[in-house]
Amino acid sequence: MARYKIYDNKSDVITPVGETLTAEQWLNRYPWARMAKMIVGGGVINGSVALVFDDYVDMMRKAGCDFSNCTTDEEYLAAIEDFEDNPPVSNTVDDQTRIADALEDLVVMNMPDEN
């Protein structure tokens, strides 16, 4: 089952705390969904997220998600899910590793020469 779907502004919504809301109650809670596409959860608990589609796509694009082959909303959501499941591998070295490497270099540089 897909993690996300576009809300149809008609279906009931079940929240993580077990609250069941009609479409009207949900849209009263998130009135911006009347003016923009809303991403909701794709499972039984579809009220697990409430995201503005265009904003979330932009955020994921900036994070490195590739949407070059996407033409439909469902393809965008599938690309986001795949990106979240398989994040890009970072080649950056964390601060602790850099400090440890620098300290090791200092120790080696201060060792006496062997003659």
C-alpha atoms as a PDB file:
ATOM      1  CA  MET A   1       0.000   0.000   0.000  1.00  0.00           C
ATOM      2  CA  ALA A   2       1.264   3.454  -0.863  1.00  0.00           C
ATOM      3  CA  ARG A   3       2.427   5.679   1.969  1.00  0.00           C
ATOM      4  CA  TYR A   4       0.754   8.785   0.519  1.00  0.00           C
ATOM      5  CA  LYS A   5      -2.232   9.730  -1.616  1.00  0.00           C
ATOM      6  CA  ILE A   6      -3.951  12.900  -2.758  1.00  0.00           C
ATOM      7  CA  TYR A   7      -6.991  13.675  -0.631  1.00  0.00           C
ATOM      8  CA  ASP A   8     -10.219  13.635  -2.652  1.00  0.00           C
ATOM      9  CA  ASN A   9     -12.017  16.123  -0.343  1.00  0.00           C
ATOM     10  CA  LYS A  10     -14.876  13.585  -0.037  1.00  0.00           C
ATOM     11  CA  SER A  11     -13.667  10.632   2.030  1.00  0.00           C
ATOM     12  CA  ASP A  12     -13.763  10.246   5.796  1.00  0.00           C
ATOM     13  CA  VAL A  13     -10.415  10.614   7.545  1.00  0.00           C
ATOM     14  CA  ILE A  14      -9.147   8.537  10.446  1.00  0.00           C
ATOM     15  CA  THR A  15      -6.478  10.204  12.567  1.00  0.00           C
ATOM     16  CA  PRO A  16      -3.696   8.470  14.522  1.00  0.00           C
ATOM     17  CA  VAL A  17      -5.649   8.932  17.770  1.00  0.00           C
ATOM     18  CA  GLY A  18      -8.614   7.040  16.320  1.00  0.00           C
ATOM     19  CA  GLU A  19     -10.787  10.052  15.602  1.00  0.00           C
ATOM     20  CA  THR A  20     -12.975   9.623  12.506  1.00  0.00           C
ATOM     21  CA  LEU A  21     -13.750  12.855  10.697  1.00  0.00           C
ATOM     22  CA  THR A  22     -16.110  13.481   7.836  1.00  0.00           C
ATOM     23  CA  ALA A  23     -14.715  15.274   4.801  1.00  0.00           C
ATOM     24  CA  GLU A  24     -16.371  18.487   5.973  1.00  0.00           C
ATOM     25  CA  GLN A  25     -14.828  18.207   9.462  1.00  0.00           C
ATOM     26  CA  TRP A  26     -11.402  17.458   7.963  1.00  0.00           C
ATOM     27  CA  LEU A  27     -11.634  20.412   5.577  1.00  0.00           C
ATOM     28  CA  ASN A  28     -12.733  22.676   8.428  1.00  0.00           C
ATOM     29  CA  ARG A  29      -9.612  21.581  10.314  1.00  0.00           C
ATOM     30  CA  TYR A  30      -7.406  22.184   7.228  1.00  0.00           C
ATOM     31  CA  PRO A  31      -9.240  24.839   5.190  1.00  0.00           C
ATOM     32  CA  TRP A  32      -6.270  25.351   2.864  1.00  0.00           C
ATOM     33  CA  ALA A  33      -7.072  21.928   1.350  1.00  0.00           C
ATOM     34  CA  ARG A  34     -10.032  23.539  -0.393  1.00  0.00           C
ATOM     35  CA  MET A  35      -7.544  25.661  -2.378  1.00  0.00           C
ATOM     36  CA  ALA A  36      -4.552  23.317  -2.811  1.00  0.00           C
ATOM     37  CA  LYS A  37      -3.886  19.618  -3.296  1.00  0.00           C
ATOM     38  CA  MET A  38      -3.445  17.845   0.026  1.00  0.00           C
ATOM     39  CA  ILE A  39      -1.333  14.765   0.642  1.00  0.00           C
ATOM     40  CA  VAL A  40      -2.759  12.391   3.243  1.00  0.00           C
ATOM     41  CA  GLY A  41      -1.679   8.965   4.409  1.00  0.00           C
ATOM     42  CA  GLY A  42      -2.270   6.073   2.054  1.00  0.00           C
ATOM     43  CA  GLY A  43      -3.257   3.537   4.680  1.00  0.00           C
ATOM     44  CA  VAL A  44      -6.228   2.991   6.935  1.00  0.00           C
ATOM     45  CA  ILE A  45      -5.063   5.849   9.147  1.00  0.00           C
ATOM     46  CA  ASN A  46      -5.170   8.338   6.316  1.00  0.00           C
ATOM     47  CA  GLY A  47      -5.052  11.333   8.660  1.00  0.00           C
ATOM     48  CA  SER A  48      -1.449  10.560   9.578  1.00  0.00           C
ATOM     49  CA  VAL A  49      -0.199  13.443   7.409  1.00  0.00           C
ATOM     50  CA  ALA A  50      -1.676  16.613   5.944  1.00  0.00           C
ATOM     51  CA  LEU A  51       0.804  18.189   3.538  1.00  0.00           C
ATOM     52  CA  VAL A  52       0.502  20.727   0.730  1.00  0.00           C
ATOM     53  CA  PHE A  53       1.394  18.732  -2.393  1.00  0.00           C
ATOM     54  CA  ASP A  54       3.348  21.446  -4.234  1.00  0.00           C
ATOM     55  CA  ASP A  55       5.296  22.490  -1.138  1.00  0.00           C
ATOM     56  CA  TYR A  56       6.249  18.912  -0.270  1.00  0.00           C
ATOM     57  CA  VAL A  57       7.345  18.174  -3.838  1.00  0.00           C
ATOM     58  CA  ASP A  58       9.537  21.311  -3.777  1.00  0.00           C
ATOM     59  CA  MET A  59      11.040  20.313  -0.428  1.00  0.00           C
ATOM     60  CA  MET A  60      11.817  16.807  -1.659  1.00  0.00           C
ATOM     61  CA  ARG A  61      13.274  18.168  -4.927  1.00  0.00           C
ATOM     62  CA  LYS A  62      15.655  20.337  -2.870  1.00  0.00           C
ATOM     63  CA  ALA A  63      16.598  17.255  -0.846  1.00  0.00           C
ATOM     64  CA  GLY A  64      17.602  15.486  -4.061  1.00  0.00           C
ATOM     65  CA  CYS A  65      14.517  13.543  -5.152  1.00  0.00           C
ATOM     66  CA  ASP A  66      14.423  13.039  -8.938  1.00  0.00           C
ATOM     67  CA  PHE A  67      11.051  13.880 -10.498  1.00  0.00           C
ATOM     68  CA  SER A  68      12.282  14.008 -14.098  1.00  0.00           C
ATOM     69  CA  ASN A  69      10.091  11.077 -15.225  1.00  0.00           C
ATOM     70  CA  CYS A  70       6.993  12.071 -13.259  1.00  0.00           C
ATOM     71  CA  THR A  71       3.868  13.235 -15.052  1.00  0.00           C
ATOM     72  CA  THR A  72       1.050  12.321 -12.637  1.00  0.00           C
ATOM     73  CA  ASP A  73       0.475  13.061  -8.968  1.00  0.00           C
ATOM     74  CA  GLU A  74       0.743   9.348  -8.198  1.00  0.00           C
ATOM     75  CA  GLU A  75       4.165   9.179  -9.890  1.00  0.00           C
ATOM     76  CA  TYR A  76       5.354  12.134  -7.795  1.00  0.00           C
ATOM     77  CA  LEU A  77       4.146  10.426  -4.618  1.00  0.00           C
ATOM     78  CA  ALA A  78       5.778   7.123  -5.618  1.00  0.00           C
ATOM     79  CA  ALA A  79       9.075   8.944  -6.298  1.00  0.00           C
ATOM     80  CA  ILE A  80       8.891  10.598  -2.873  1.00  0.00           C
ATOM     81  CA  GLU A  81       8.209   7.275  -1.167  1.00  0.00           C
ATOM     82  CA  ASP A  82      11.110   5.624  -3.004  1.00  0.00           C
ATOM     83  CA  PHE A  83      13.393   8.532  -2.074  1.00  0.00           C
ATOM     84  CA  GLU A  84      12.395   8.268   1.592  1.00  0.00           C
ATOM     85  CA  ASP A  85      12.969   4.501   1.564  1.00  0.00           C
ATOM     86  CA  ASN A  86      16.320   4.813  -0.233  1.00  0.00           C
ATOM     87  CA  PRO A  87      17.917   8.136   0.733  1.00  0.00           C
ATOM     88  CA  PRO A  88      21.067   9.163  -1.109  1.00  0.00           C
ATOM     89  CA  VAL A  89      24.297   8.062   0.517  1.00  0.00           C
ATOM     90  CA  SER A  90      26.247  10.988   1.881  1.00  0.00           C
ATOM     91  CA  ASN A  91      30.031  11.021   1.500  1.00  0.00           C
ATOM     92  CA  THR A  92      30.490  13.707   4.122  1.00  0.00           C
ATOM     93  CA  VAL A  93      32.608  12.994   7.162  1.00  0.00           C
ATOM     94  CA  ASP A  94      31.112  13.885  10.523  1.00  0.00           C
ATOM     95  CA  ASP A  95      32.850  16.296  12.910  1.00  0.00           C
ATOM     96  CA  GLN A  96      33.948  13.611  15.380  1.00  0.00           C
ATOM     97  CA  THR A  97      35.713  11.648  12.660  1.00  0.00           C
ATOM     98  CA  ARG A  98      37.492  14.755  11.373  1.00  0.00           C
ATOM     99  CA  ILE A  99      38.653  15.662  14.912  1.00  0.00           C
ATOM    100  CA  ALA A 100      39.875  12.112  15.570  1.00  0.00           C
ATOM    101  CA  ASP A 101      41.793  12.116  12.278  1.00  0.00           C
ATOM    102  CA  ALA A 102      43.388  15.490  13.083  1.00  0.00           C
ATOM    103  CA  LEU A 103      44.442  14.294  16.557  1.00  0.00           C
ATOM    104  CA  GLU A 104      46.002  11.161  15.075  1.00  0.00           C
ATOM    105  CA  ASP A 105      47.941  13.319  12.609  1.00  0.00           C
ATOM    106  CA  LEU A 106      49.205  15.522  15.476  1.00  0.00           C
ATOM    107  CA  VAL A 107      50.376  12.491  17.432  1.00  0.00           C
ATOM    108  CA  VAL A 108      52.257  11.123  14.421  1.00  0.00           C
ATOM    109  CA  MET A 109      53.835  14.521  13.681  1.00  0.00           C
ATOM    110  CA  ASN A 110      55.071  14.838  17.285  1.00  0.00           C
ATOM    111  CA  MET A 111      56.582  11.346  17.474  1.00  0.00           C
ATOM    112  CA  PRO A 112      60.364  11.330  17.763  1.00  0.00           C
ATOM    113  CA  ASP A 113      62.314  10.383  14.644  1.00  0.00           C
ATOM    114  CA  GLU A 114      63.825   6.946  14.662  1.00  0.00           C
ATOM    115  CA  ASN A 115      67.482   6.920  13.601  1.00  0.00           C
END
